[in-house]
Amino acid sequence: MWIKRGDMGFRGVTADHLVAVDLEGNRAYGDGPLHTELWLHLSIYATRPDVSAISHSHATRLVAYSAVHPVWPVIDQYTLEMSIGMCWHDRSGLIVTRSLGESLARSLGTGRTCILRSHGVLVADSTIEAAVVGTVELGRSIDIQMAARMLGDVRPMPAEDADPMRERFLARRENRVKNMWGTLTRPS
């Protein structure tokens, strides 16, 4: 597995700042300290052969959302899409040991998106593009959830409207990821 070194922020990270480790956490390539939350990633990869990329974020709005009661009413197309395969990991704190990583992997199960209580979020997917796009879309979903809650009582979408939309999202997922990735990586 490739992961950024533990002494690097995100800005300016290049291939020279990456470390490769095996599923036991043994360094295979690279210098510098290993990432603190290495086991968050390794434990999921060890149990999910379908996962090739994990995006994990401590962005302010994502951490704020992870600290409230775990309610995710489907109120729009973005929260609908992110609700597919979503889980809540109800333990606070960083994932710094194998046993904590294994607990998180059990919470994620076969899902894609996990809210980590008072910590942040992760999106586990088949490609880097899909994991990053999922994290960005989760942020958009959380923005919508927070805005709706500030405006008043949230009215979830009726199942008869949400179910056909969910099927459409699943059918068009690959194309949506491609389009959103193009938007995210296009020079401004």
N, C-alpha and C. Protein backbone atom coordinates (compact mmCIF):
# COMPACT_ATOMS: atom_id res chain seq x y z
N MET A 1 0.84 -1.16 0.00
CA MET A 1 0.00 0.00 0.00
C MET A 1 0.89 1.23 0.00
N TRP A 2 0.50 2.22 -0.78
CA TRP A 2 1.20 3.51 -0.81
C TRP A 2 0.42 4.50 0.05
N ILE A 3 1.15 5.27 0.86
CA ILE A 3 0.53 6.27 1.73
C ILE A 3 1.53 7.41 1.93
N LYS A 4 1.02 8.60 2.15
CA LYS A 4 1.95 9.71 2.38
C LYS A 4 2.64 9.52 3.72
N ARG A 5 3.86 10.04 3.81
CA ARG A 5 4.63 9.95 5.05
C ARG A 5 3.90 10.65 6.19
N GLY A 6 4.23 10.28 7.38
CA GLY A 6 3.59 10.86 8.56
C GLY A 6 4.01 12.28 8.87
N ASP A 7 5.07 12.76 8.27
CA ASP A 7 5.54 14.12 8.56
C ASP A 7 5.17 15.12 7.47
N MET A 8 4.22 14.76 6.61
CA MET A 8 3.83 15.62 5.50
C MET A 8 2.36 16.01 5.61
N GLY A 9 2.07 17.29 5.33
CA GLY A 9 0.69 17.70 5.13
C GLY A 9 0.30 17.32 3.71
N PHE A 10 -0.82 17.85 3.23
CA PHE A 10 -1.24 17.48 1.88
C PHE A 10 -0.65 18.38 0.81
N ARG A 11 -0.41 19.62 1.13
CA ARG A 11 0.14 20.53 0.12
C ARG A 11 1.56 20.13 -0.23
N GLY A 12 1.82 20.06 -1.51
CA GLY A 12 3.16 19.78 -1.98
C GLY A 12 3.59 18.33 -1.94
N VAL A 13 2.70 17.41 -1.61
CA VAL A 13 3.07 16.00 -1.59
C VAL A 13 3.35 15.53 -3.01
N THR A 14 4.48 14.88 -3.17
CA THR A 14 4.85 14.30 -4.45
C THR A 14 5.14 12.81 -4.24
N ALA A 15 5.48 12.12 -5.29
CA ALA A 15 5.80 10.70 -5.18
C ALA A 15 6.97 10.47 -4.21
N ASP A 16 7.85 11.43 -4.08
CA ASP A 16 8.99 11.31 -3.15
C ASP A 16 8.54 11.29 -1.69
N HIS A 17 7.33 11.71 -1.41
CA HIS A 17 6.82 11.77 -0.04
C HIS A 17 5.96 10.56 0.31
N LEU A 18 5.93 9.57 -0.56
CA LEU A 18 5.12 8.38 -0.32
C LEU A 18 5.95 7.25 0.26
N VAL A 19 5.31 6.43 1.04
CA VAL A 19 5.93 5.26 1.64
C VAL A 19 5.06 4.06 1.24
N ALA A 20 5.71 2.96 0.89
CA ALA A 20 4.98 1.72 0.60
C ALA A 20 5.15 0.77 1.77
N VAL A 21 4.04 0.14 2.17
CA VAL A 21 4.07 -0.85 3.25
C VAL A 21 3.27 -2.07 2.81
N ASP A 22 3.58 -3.22 3.40
CA ASP A 22 2.77 -4.41 3.14
C ASP A 22 1.58 -4.42 4.10
N LEU A 23 0.71 -5.42 3.99
CA LEU A 23 -0.50 -5.46 4.82
C LEU A 23 -0.22 -5.72 6.29
N GLU A 24 1.03 -6.01 6.64
CA GLU A 24 1.43 -6.17 8.04
C GLU A 24 2.03 -4.87 8.60
N GLY A 25 2.12 -3.84 7.76
CA GLY A 25 2.67 -2.56 8.19
C GLY A 25 4.17 -2.46 8.08
N ASN A 26 4.81 -3.41 7.40
CA ASN A 26 6.27 -3.39 7.21
C ASN A 26 6.61 -2.51 6.01
N ARG A 27 7.57 -1.63 6.21
CA ARG A 27 7.98 -0.72 5.14
C ARG A 27 8.61 -1.51 3.99
N ALA A 28 8.16 -1.22 2.78
CA ALA A 28 8.72 -1.85 1.59
C ALA A 28 9.52 -0.84 0.77
N TYR A 29 9.17 0.45 0.92
CA TYR A 29 9.83 1.47 0.12
C TYR A 29 9.60 2.83 0.77
N GLY A 30 10.57 3.69 0.66
CA GLY A 30 10.42 5.07 1.10
C GLY A 30 11.05 5.34 2.45
N ASP A 31 11.23 6.64 2.70
CA ASP A 31 11.85 7.09 3.95
C ASP A 31 10.85 7.93 4.74
N GLY A 32 11.23 8.25 5.96
CA GLY A 32 10.40 9.10 6.81
C GLY A 32 9.48 8.28 7.68
N PRO A 33 8.84 8.96 8.62
CA PRO A 33 7.96 8.25 9.55
C PRO A 33 6.70 7.73 8.86
N LEU A 34 6.22 6.58 9.34
CA LEU A 34 4.97 6.04 8.81
C LEU A 34 3.81 6.89 9.30
N HIS A 35 2.76 6.91 8.52
CA HIS A 35 1.56 7.68 8.84
C HIS A 35 0.92 7.16 10.13
N THR A 36 0.46 8.07 10.98
CA THR A 36 -0.15 7.71 12.27
C THR A 36 -1.33 6.77 12.11
N GLU A 37 -2.17 7.02 11.11
CA GLU A 37 -3.38 6.22 10.95
C GLU A 37 -3.21 5.13 9.88
N LEU A 38 -2.03 4.59 9.81
CA LEU A 38 -1.72 3.52 8.87
C LEU A 38 -2.72 2.37 8.98
N TRP A 39 -3.12 2.00 10.21
CA TRP A 39 -4.00 0.84 10.41
C TRP A 39 -5.43 1.11 9.95
N LEU A 40 -5.83 2.35 9.86
CA LEU A 40 -7.14 2.68 9.28
C LEU A 40 -7.19 2.11 7.87
N HIS A 41 -6.14 2.33 7.12
CA HIS A 41 -6.07 1.88 5.73
C HIS A 41 -5.80 0.39 5.62
N LEU A 42 -4.76 -0.08 6.30
CA LEU A 42 -4.35 -1.48 6.16
C LEU A 42 -5.45 -2.46 6.53
N SER A 43 -6.19 -2.17 7.59
CA SER A 43 -7.23 -3.11 8.04
C SER A 43 -8.36 -3.23 7.02
N ILE A 44 -8.67 -2.13 6.35
CA ILE A 44 -9.72 -2.19 5.32
C ILE A 44 -9.20 -2.94 4.09
N TYR A 45 -7.99 -2.64 3.67
CA TYR A 45 -7.43 -3.35 2.51
C TYR A 45 -7.34 -4.85 2.79
N ALA A 46 -7.01 -5.22 4.02
CA ALA A 46 -6.85 -6.64 4.36
C ALA A 46 -8.17 -7.41 4.27
N THR A 47 -9.28 -6.72 4.51
CA THR A 47 -10.58 -7.41 4.51
C THR A 47 -11.42 -7.14 3.27
N ARG A 48 -11.00 -6.18 2.45
CA ARG A 48 -11.81 -5.78 1.30
C ARG A 48 -10.99 -5.80 0.01
N PRO A 49 -10.89 -6.94 -0.65
CA PRO A 49 -10.12 -7.00 -1.90
C PRO A 49 -10.69 -6.11 -3.01
N ASP A 50 -11.95 -5.69 -2.88
CA ASP A 50 -12.56 -4.81 -3.87
C ASP A 50 -12.13 -3.36 -3.71
N VAL A 51 -11.48 -3.03 -2.60
CA VAL A 51 -11.05 -1.65 -2.32
C VAL A 51 -9.60 -1.47 -2.75
N SER A 52 -9.37 -0.48 -3.61
CA SER A 52 -8.02 -0.15 -4.06
C SER A 52 -7.60 1.24 -3.63
N ALA A 53 -8.53 2.02 -3.05
CA ALA A 53 -8.21 3.38 -2.63
C ALA A 53 -9.12 3.79 -1.47
N ILE A 54 -8.52 4.51 -0.53
CA ILE A 54 -9.27 5.04 0.61
C ILE A 54 -8.95 6.52 0.72
N SER A 55 -9.99 7.32 0.78
CA SER A 55 -9.85 8.75 1.05
C SER A 55 -10.34 8.98 2.48
N HIS A 56 -9.51 9.59 3.29
CA HIS A 56 -9.85 9.83 4.70
C HIS A 56 -9.64 11.31 4.97
N SER A 57 -10.64 11.96 5.57
CA SER A 57 -10.57 13.41 5.74
C SER A 57 -10.96 13.84 7.14
N HIS A 58 -10.26 14.86 7.61
CA HIS A 58 -10.58 15.54 8.86
C HIS A 58 -11.03 16.98 8.57
N ALA A 59 -11.59 17.23 7.40
CA ALA A 59 -12.05 18.58 7.05
C ALA A 59 -13.06 19.05 8.10
N THR A 60 -13.04 20.33 8.40
CA THR A 60 -13.83 20.90 9.49
C THR A 60 -15.29 20.47 9.45
N ARG A 61 -15.96 20.64 8.31
CA ARG A 61 -17.38 20.32 8.27
C ARG A 61 -17.64 18.83 8.42
N LEU A 62 -16.69 18.00 7.96
CA LEU A 62 -16.85 16.55 8.07
C LEU A 62 -16.68 16.10 9.52
N VAL A 63 -15.72 16.68 10.22
CA VAL A 63 -15.53 16.36 11.64
C VAL A 63 -16.73 16.86 12.43
N ALA A 64 -17.21 18.06 12.12
CA ALA A 64 -18.37 18.61 12.83
C ALA A 64 -19.57 17.68 12.67
N TYR A 65 -19.81 17.22 11.46
CA TYR A 65 -20.95 16.33 11.23
C TYR A 65 -20.77 15.01 11.96
N SER A 66 -19.54 14.54 12.04
CA SER A 66 -19.29 13.25 12.70
C SER A 66 -19.52 13.32 14.20
N ALA A 67 -19.62 14.53 14.73
CA ALA A 67 -19.78 14.71 16.18
C ALA A 67 -21.24 14.83 16.61
N VAL A 68 -22.18 14.80 15.70
CA VAL A 68 -23.59 14.91 16.06
C VAL A 68 -24.27 13.56 15.99
N HIS A 69 -25.49 13.51 16.52
CA HIS A 69 -26.26 12.26 16.52
C HIS A 69 -26.35 11.71 15.10
N PRO A 70 -26.06 10.42 14.91
CA PRO A 70 -25.99 9.87 13.56
C PRO A 70 -27.35 9.72 12.87
N VAL A 71 -27.78 10.81 12.26
CA VAL A 71 -29.02 10.81 11.49
C VAL A 71 -28.66 11.26 10.08
N TRP A 72 -29.13 10.53 9.09
CA TRP A 72 -28.83 10.86 7.70
C TRP A 72 -30.10 10.75 6.88
N PRO A 73 -31.04 11.69 7.06
CA PRO A 73 -32.25 11.62 6.25
C PRO A 73 -31.93 11.91 4.79
N VAL A 74 -32.54 11.17 3.91
CA VAL A 74 -32.36 11.40 2.48
C VAL A 74 -33.25 12.58 2.09
N ILE A 75 -32.59 13.72 1.82
CA ILE A 75 -33.35 14.95 1.55
C ILE A 75 -33.07 15.51 0.15
N ASP A 76 -32.10 14.94 -0.57
CA ASP A 76 -31.76 15.45 -1.90
C ASP A 76 -30.95 14.39 -2.62
N GLN A 77 -30.58 14.66 -3.86
CA GLN A 77 -29.87 13.67 -4.66
C GLN A 77 -28.50 13.32 -4.10
N TYR A 78 -27.82 14.27 -3.48
CA TYR A 78 -26.48 14.00 -2.98
C TYR A 78 -26.52 13.13 -1.72
N THR A 79 -27.42 13.46 -0.80
CA THR A 79 -27.52 12.62 0.40
C THR A 79 -28.05 11.25 0.04
N LEU A 80 -28.86 11.17 -0.99
CA LEU A 80 -29.35 9.87 -1.46
C LEU A 80 -28.18 9.01 -1.94
N GLU A 81 -27.34 9.58 -2.79
CA GLU A 81 -26.21 8.82 -3.32
C GLU A 81 -25.26 8.39 -2.20
N MET A 82 -24.95 9.29 -1.29
CA MET A 82 -24.00 8.96 -0.23
C MET A 82 -24.59 7.99 0.79
N SER A 83 -25.90 7.86 0.84
CA SER A 83 -26.52 6.93 1.78
C SER A 83 -26.32 5.48 1.37
N ILE A 84 -25.93 5.25 0.13
CA ILE A 84 -25.73 3.88 -0.36
C ILE A 84 -24.43 3.35 0.25
N GLY A 85 -24.54 2.35 1.09
CA GLY A 85 -23.36 1.75 1.71
C GLY A 85 -22.72 2.60 2.79
N MET A 86 -23.50 3.44 3.47
CA MET A 86 -22.95 4.30 4.53
C MET A 86 -22.99 3.59 5.88
N CYS A 87 -21.96 3.82 6.68
CA CYS A 87 -21.93 3.28 8.03
C CYS A 87 -21.49 4.36 9.02
N TRP A 88 -21.70 4.08 10.28
CA TRP A 88 -21.26 4.95 11.37
C TRP A 88 -20.34 4.12 12.25
N HIS A 89 -19.13 4.62 12.48
CA HIS A 89 -18.19 3.97 13.40
C HIS A 89 -18.27 4.75 14.71
N ASP A 90 -18.83 4.13 15.73
CA ASP A 90 -19.21 4.84 16.95
C ASP A 90 -18.10 4.87 18.00
N ARG A 91 -16.86 4.94 17.57
CA ARG A 91 -15.75 5.07 18.50
C ARG A 91 -14.98 6.33 18.12
N SER A 92 -14.69 7.16 19.10
CA SER A 92 -13.93 8.39 18.84
C SER A 92 -12.43 8.10 18.90
N GLY A 93 -11.65 8.96 18.31
CA GLY A 93 -10.20 8.84 18.38
C GLY A 93 -9.58 8.37 17.09
N LEU A 94 -8.28 8.53 17.02
CA LEU A 94 -7.53 8.13 15.84
C LEU A 94 -7.41 6.61 15.77
N ILE A 95 -7.26 6.09 14.58
CA ILE A 95 -7.14 4.65 14.34
C ILE A 95 -5.64 4.35 14.24
N VAL A 96 -5.00 4.10 15.40
CA VAL A 96 -3.54 4.00 15.46
C VAL A 96 -3.01 2.60 15.77
N THR A 97 -3.91 1.62 15.93
CA THR A 97 -3.47 0.25 16.19
C THR A 97 -4.21 -0.70 15.27
N ARG A 98 -3.67 -1.89 15.14
CA ARG A 98 -4.31 -2.91 14.31
C ARG A 98 -5.71 -3.22 14.83
N SER A 99 -5.89 -3.36 16.15
CA SER A 99 -7.22 -3.70 16.68
C SER A 99 -8.23 -2.59 16.42
N LEU A 100 -7.82 -1.33 16.51
CA LEU A 100 -8.73 -0.23 16.18
C LEU A 100 -9.07 -0.25 14.69
N GLY A 101 -8.09 -0.54 13.85
CA GLY A 101 -8.34 -0.65 12.41
C GLY A 101 -9.28 -1.78 12.08
N GLU A 102 -9.12 -2.91 12.75
CA GLU A 102 -10.00 -4.06 12.51
C GLU A 102 -11.43 -3.73 12.95
N SER A 103 -11.58 -3.00 14.04
CA SER A 103 -12.91 -2.58 14.49
C SER A 103 -13.57 -1.68 13.44
N LEU A 104 -12.80 -0.76 12.90
CA LEU A 104 -13.32 0.12 11.84
C LEU A 104 -13.70 -0.69 10.60
N ALA A 105 -12.86 -1.63 10.21
CA ALA A 105 -13.15 -2.46 9.03
C ALA A 105 -14.45 -3.24 9.24
N ARG A 106 -14.69 -3.70 10.47
CA ARG A 106 -15.97 -4.40 10.75
C ARG A 106 -17.14 -3.43 10.63
N SER A 107 -16.97 -2.20 11.11
CA SER A 107 -18.04 -1.21 10.97
C SER A 107 -18.34 -0.93 9.51
N LEU A 108 -17.31 -0.77 8.70
CA LEU A 108 -17.50 -0.49 7.27
C LEU A 108 -18.15 -1.66 6.56
N GLY A 109 -17.78 -2.88 6.95
CA GLY A 109 -18.36 -4.06 6.30
C GLY A 109 -18.18 -4.01 4.80
N THR A 110 -19.26 -4.15 4.06
CA THR A 110 -19.19 -4.08 2.59
C THR A 110 -19.54 -2.69 2.08
N GLY A 111 -19.67 -1.73 3.00
CA GLY A 111 -20.05 -0.37 2.62
C GLY A 111 -18.93 0.40 1.95
N ARG A 112 -19.25 1.63 1.61
CA ARG A 112 -18.32 2.50 0.90
C ARG A 112 -17.92 3.70 1.74
N THR A 113 -18.87 4.25 2.48
CA THR A 113 -18.65 5.50 3.19
C THR A 113 -18.85 5.27 4.68
N CYS A 114 -17.95 5.84 5.49
CA CYS A 114 -18.08 5.67 6.93
C CYS A 114 -17.84 6.99 7.63
N ILE A 115 -18.76 7.33 8.53
CA ILE A 115 -18.61 8.50 9.39
C ILE A 115 -17.95 8.00 10.68
N LEU A 116 -16.80 8.54 11.03
CA LEU A 116 -16.07 8.14 12.23
C LEU A 116 -16.36 9.15 13.33
N ARG A 117 -17.02 8.71 14.38
CA ARG A 117 -17.51 9.59 15.43
C ARG A 117 -16.43 10.55 15.95
N SER A 118 -16.77 11.85 15.90
CA SER A 118 -15.91 12.93 16.38
C SER A 118 -14.50 12.87 15.78
N HIS A 119 -14.38 12.38 14.57
CA HIS A 119 -13.07 12.16 13.96
C HIS A 119 -13.03 12.64 12.51
N GLY A 120 -13.99 12.23 11.70
CA GLY A 120 -13.99 12.57 10.28
C GLY A 120 -14.71 11.51 9.48
N VAL A 121 -14.26 11.33 8.25
CA VAL A 121 -14.93 10.38 7.35
C VAL A 121 -13.90 9.61 6.55
N LEU A 122 -14.38 8.51 5.97
CA LEU A 122 -13.56 7.81 4.98
C LEU A 122 -14.47 7.30 3.89
N VAL A 123 -13.90 7.21 2.69
CA VAL A 123 -14.58 6.61 1.55
C VAL A 123 -13.63 5.57 0.98
N ALA A 124 -14.10 4.32 0.94
CA ALA A 124 -13.32 3.20 0.40
C ALA A 124 -13.91 2.82 -0.94
N ASP A 125 -13.08 2.79 -1.97
CA ASP A 125 -13.62 2.52 -3.30
C ASP A 125 -12.61 1.78 -4.17
N SER A 126 -13.00 1.52 -5.40
CA SER A 126 -12.18 0.72 -6.31
C SER A 126 -11.08 1.52 -7.00
N THR A 127 -11.21 2.86 -7.03
CA THR A 127 -10.19 3.70 -7.66
C THR A 127 -9.94 4.94 -6.81
N ILE A 128 -8.78 5.55 -7.01
CA ILE A 128 -8.48 6.80 -6.32
C ILE A 128 -9.51 7.86 -6.70
N GLU A 129 -9.83 7.91 -7.98
CA GLU A 129 -10.79 8.91 -8.45
C GLU A 129 -12.13 8.75 -7.74
N ALA A 130 -12.63 7.53 -7.64
CA ALA A 130 -13.93 7.29 -7.01
C ALA A 130 -13.89 7.62 -5.52
N ALA A 131 -12.79 7.30 -4.84
CA ALA A 131 -12.69 7.60 -3.41
C ALA A 131 -12.65 9.11 -3.16
N VAL A 132 -11.88 9.84 -3.98
CA VAL A 132 -11.79 11.30 -3.81
C VAL A 132 -13.13 11.95 -4.17
N VAL A 133 -13.72 11.56 -5.28
CA VAL A 133 -15.02 12.12 -5.67
C VAL A 133 -16.05 11.82 -4.59
N GLY A 134 -16.04 10.62 -4.04
CA GLY A 134 -16.96 10.28 -2.96
C GLY A 134 -16.79 11.18 -1.76
N THR A 135 -15.55 11.50 -1.41
CA THR A 135 -15.30 12.38 -0.26
C THR A 135 -15.80 13.79 -0.54
N VAL A 136 -15.54 14.29 -1.75
CA VAL A 136 -16.03 15.63 -2.12
C VAL A 136 -17.56 15.65 -2.10
N GLU A 137 -18.19 14.61 -2.67
CA GLU A 137 -19.65 14.58 -2.69
C GLU A 137 -20.23 14.38 -1.29
N LEU A 138 -19.53 13.67 -0.43
CA LEU A 138 -19.97 13.56 0.96
C LEU A 138 -19.94 14.93 1.63
N GLY A 139 -18.89 15.71 1.36
CA GLY A 139 -18.83 17.07 1.89
C GLY A 139 -20.00 17.91 1.41
N ARG A 140 -20.35 17.80 0.14
CA ARG A 140 -21.51 18.51 -0.39
C ARG A 140 -22.78 18.04 0.31
N SER A 141 -22.90 16.73 0.51
CA SER A 141 -24.07 16.17 1.20
C SER A 141 -24.19 16.73 2.61
N ILE A 142 -23.07 16.80 3.31
CA ILE A 142 -23.07 17.32 4.68
C ILE A 142 -23.42 18.80 4.69
N ASP A 143 -22.92 19.56 3.72
CA ASP A 143 -23.31 20.97 3.62
C ASP A 143 -24.82 21.11 3.49
N ILE A 144 -25.41 20.27 2.66
CA ILE A 144 -26.87 20.31 2.45
C ILE A 144 -27.59 19.90 3.73
N GLN A 145 -27.12 18.84 4.38
CA GLN A 145 -27.73 18.41 5.64
C GLN A 145 -27.69 19.54 6.68
N MET A 146 -26.53 20.17 6.83
CA MET A 146 -26.39 21.23 7.83
C MET A 146 -27.25 22.44 7.49
N ALA A 147 -27.28 22.84 6.22
CA ALA A 147 -28.10 23.98 5.82
C ALA A 147 -29.58 23.69 6.05
N ALA A 148 -30.02 22.49 5.70
CA ALA A 148 -31.43 22.14 5.89
C ALA A 148 -31.80 22.18 7.38
N ARG A 149 -30.94 21.66 8.22
CA ARG A 149 -31.22 21.64 9.66
C ARG A 149 -31.29 23.05 10.24
N MET A 150 -30.50 23.97 9.70
CA MET A 150 -30.54 25.35 10.18
C MET A 150 -31.83 26.04 9.78
N LEU A 151 -32.41 25.61 8.67
CA LEU A 151 -33.62 26.25 8.17
C LEU A 151 -34.90 25.75 8.84
N GLY A 152 -34.84 24.56 9.44
CA GLY A 152 -36.04 24.05 10.09
C GLY A 152 -36.05 22.54 10.15
N ASP A 153 -37.24 21.98 10.32
CA ASP A 153 -37.39 20.53 10.39
C ASP A 153 -37.12 19.92 9.01
N VAL A 154 -36.28 18.92 8.99
CA VAL A 154 -35.90 18.27 7.74
C VAL A 154 -37.02 17.33 7.30
N ARG A 155 -37.36 17.40 6.00
CA ARG A 155 -38.39 16.53 5.44
C ARG A 155 -37.74 15.55 4.49
N PRO A 156 -37.55 14.30 4.91
CA PRO A 156 -36.92 13.31 4.02
C PRO A 156 -37.75 13.08 2.75
N MET A 157 -37.04 12.67 1.71
CA MET A 157 -37.71 12.31 0.46
C MET A 157 -38.53 11.05 0.69
N PRO A 158 -39.73 10.97 0.12
CA PRO A 158 -40.50 9.73 0.21
C PRO A 158 -39.79 8.60 -0.53
N ALA A 159 -39.92 7.39 -0.03
CA ALA A 159 -39.26 6.22 -0.63
C ALA A 159 -39.64 6.05 -2.10
N GLU A 160 -40.89 6.35 -2.44
CA GLU A 160 -41.32 6.16 -3.84
C GLU A 160 -40.60 7.12 -4.80
N ASP A 161 -40.06 8.22 -4.27
CA ASP A 161 -39.24 9.12 -5.09
C ASP A 161 -37.76 8.74 -5.01
N ALA A 162 -37.32 8.36 -3.81
CA ALA A 162 -35.90 8.08 -3.59
C ALA A 162 -35.44 6.78 -4.24
N ASP A 163 -36.25 5.74 -4.18
CA ASP A 163 -35.81 4.43 -4.68
C ASP A 163 -35.45 4.43 -6.17
N PRO A 164 -36.29 5.00 -7.06
CA PRO A 164 -35.90 5.03 -8.47
C PRO A 164 -34.65 5.88 -8.72
N MET A 165 -34.51 6.96 -7.95
CA MET A 165 -33.35 7.81 -8.10
C MET A 165 -32.08 7.07 -7.66
N ARG A 166 -32.18 6.28 -6.59
CA ARG A 166 -31.04 5.48 -6.11
C ARG A 166 -30.58 4.51 -7.20
N GLU A 167 -31.53 3.84 -7.85
CA GLU A 167 -31.18 2.91 -8.93
C GLU A 167 -30.49 3.63 -10.08
N ARG A 168 -30.96 4.83 -10.40
CA ARG A 168 -30.35 5.60 -11.48
C ARG A 168 -28.92 5.99 -11.12
N PHE A 169 -28.69 6.40 -9.86
CA PHE A 169 -27.34 6.74 -9.44
C PHE A 169 -26.41 5.55 -9.55
N LEU A 170 -26.86 4.40 -9.12
CA LEU A 170 -26.03 3.20 -9.19
C LEU A 170 -25.69 2.85 -10.64
N ALA A 171 -26.64 2.98 -11.53
CA ALA A 171 -26.43 2.65 -12.94
C ALA A 171 -25.47 3.63 -13.62
N ARG A 172 -25.45 4.88 -13.17
CA ARG A 172 -24.63 5.91 -13.81
C ARG A 172 -23.37 6.27 -13.02
N ARG A 173 -23.06 5.50 -12.00
CA ARG A 173 -21.98 5.86 -11.07
C ARG A 173 -20.63 6.07 -11.76
N GLU A 174 -20.24 5.15 -12.61
CA GLU A 174 -18.93 5.26 -13.27
C GLU A 174 -18.83 6.55 -14.08
N ASN A 175 -19.87 6.89 -14.80
CA ASN A 175 -19.87 8.13 -15.59
C ASN A 175 -19.84 9.36 -14.69
N ARG A 176 -20.58 9.31 -13.57
CA ARG A 176 -20.58 10.45 -12.64
C ARG A 176 -19.19 10.67 -12.04
N VAL A 177 -18.52 9.58 -11.67
CA VAL A 177 -17.17 9.70 -11.11
C VAL A 177 -16.23 10.32 -12.15
N LYS A 178 -16.30 9.83 -13.38
CA LYS A 178 -15.45 10.36 -14.45
C LYS A 178 -15.69 11.86 -14.65
N ASN A 179 -16.94 12.27 -14.71
CA ASN A 179 -17.26 13.68 -14.92
C ASN A 179 -16.81 14.55 -13.76
N MET A 180 -17.07 14.10 -12.54
CA MET A 180 -16.69 14.89 -11.36
C MET A 180 -15.17 14.95 -11.22
N TRP A 181 -14.47 13.85 -11.47
CA TRP A 181 -13.01 13.84 -11.41
C TRP A 181 -12.46 14.85 -12.43
N GLY A 182 -13.02 14.87 -13.63
CA GLY A 182 -12.60 15.85 -14.63
C GLY A 182 -12.79 17.27 -14.15
N THR A 183 -13.89 17.53 -13.47
CA THR A 183 -14.15 18.86 -12.93
C THR A 183 -13.13 19.21 -11.84
N LEU A 184 -12.85 18.25 -10.96
CA LEU A 184 -11.92 18.49 -9.84
C LEU A 184 -10.48 18.71 -10.32
N THR A 185 -10.08 18.06 -11.38
CA THR A 185 -8.69 18.12 -11.81
C THR A 185 -8.43 19.09 -12.95
N ARG A 186 -9.49 19.70 -13.47
CA ARG A 186 -9.34 20.65 -14.58
C ARG A 186 -8.67 21.92 -14.06
N PRO A 187 -7.63 22.38 -14.74
CA PRO A 187 -7.00 23.64 -14.30
C PRO A 187 -8.01 24.79 -14.37
N SER A 188 -7.94 25.67 -13.39
CA SER A 188 -8.90 26.80 -13.37
C SER A 188 -8.45 27.94 -14.23
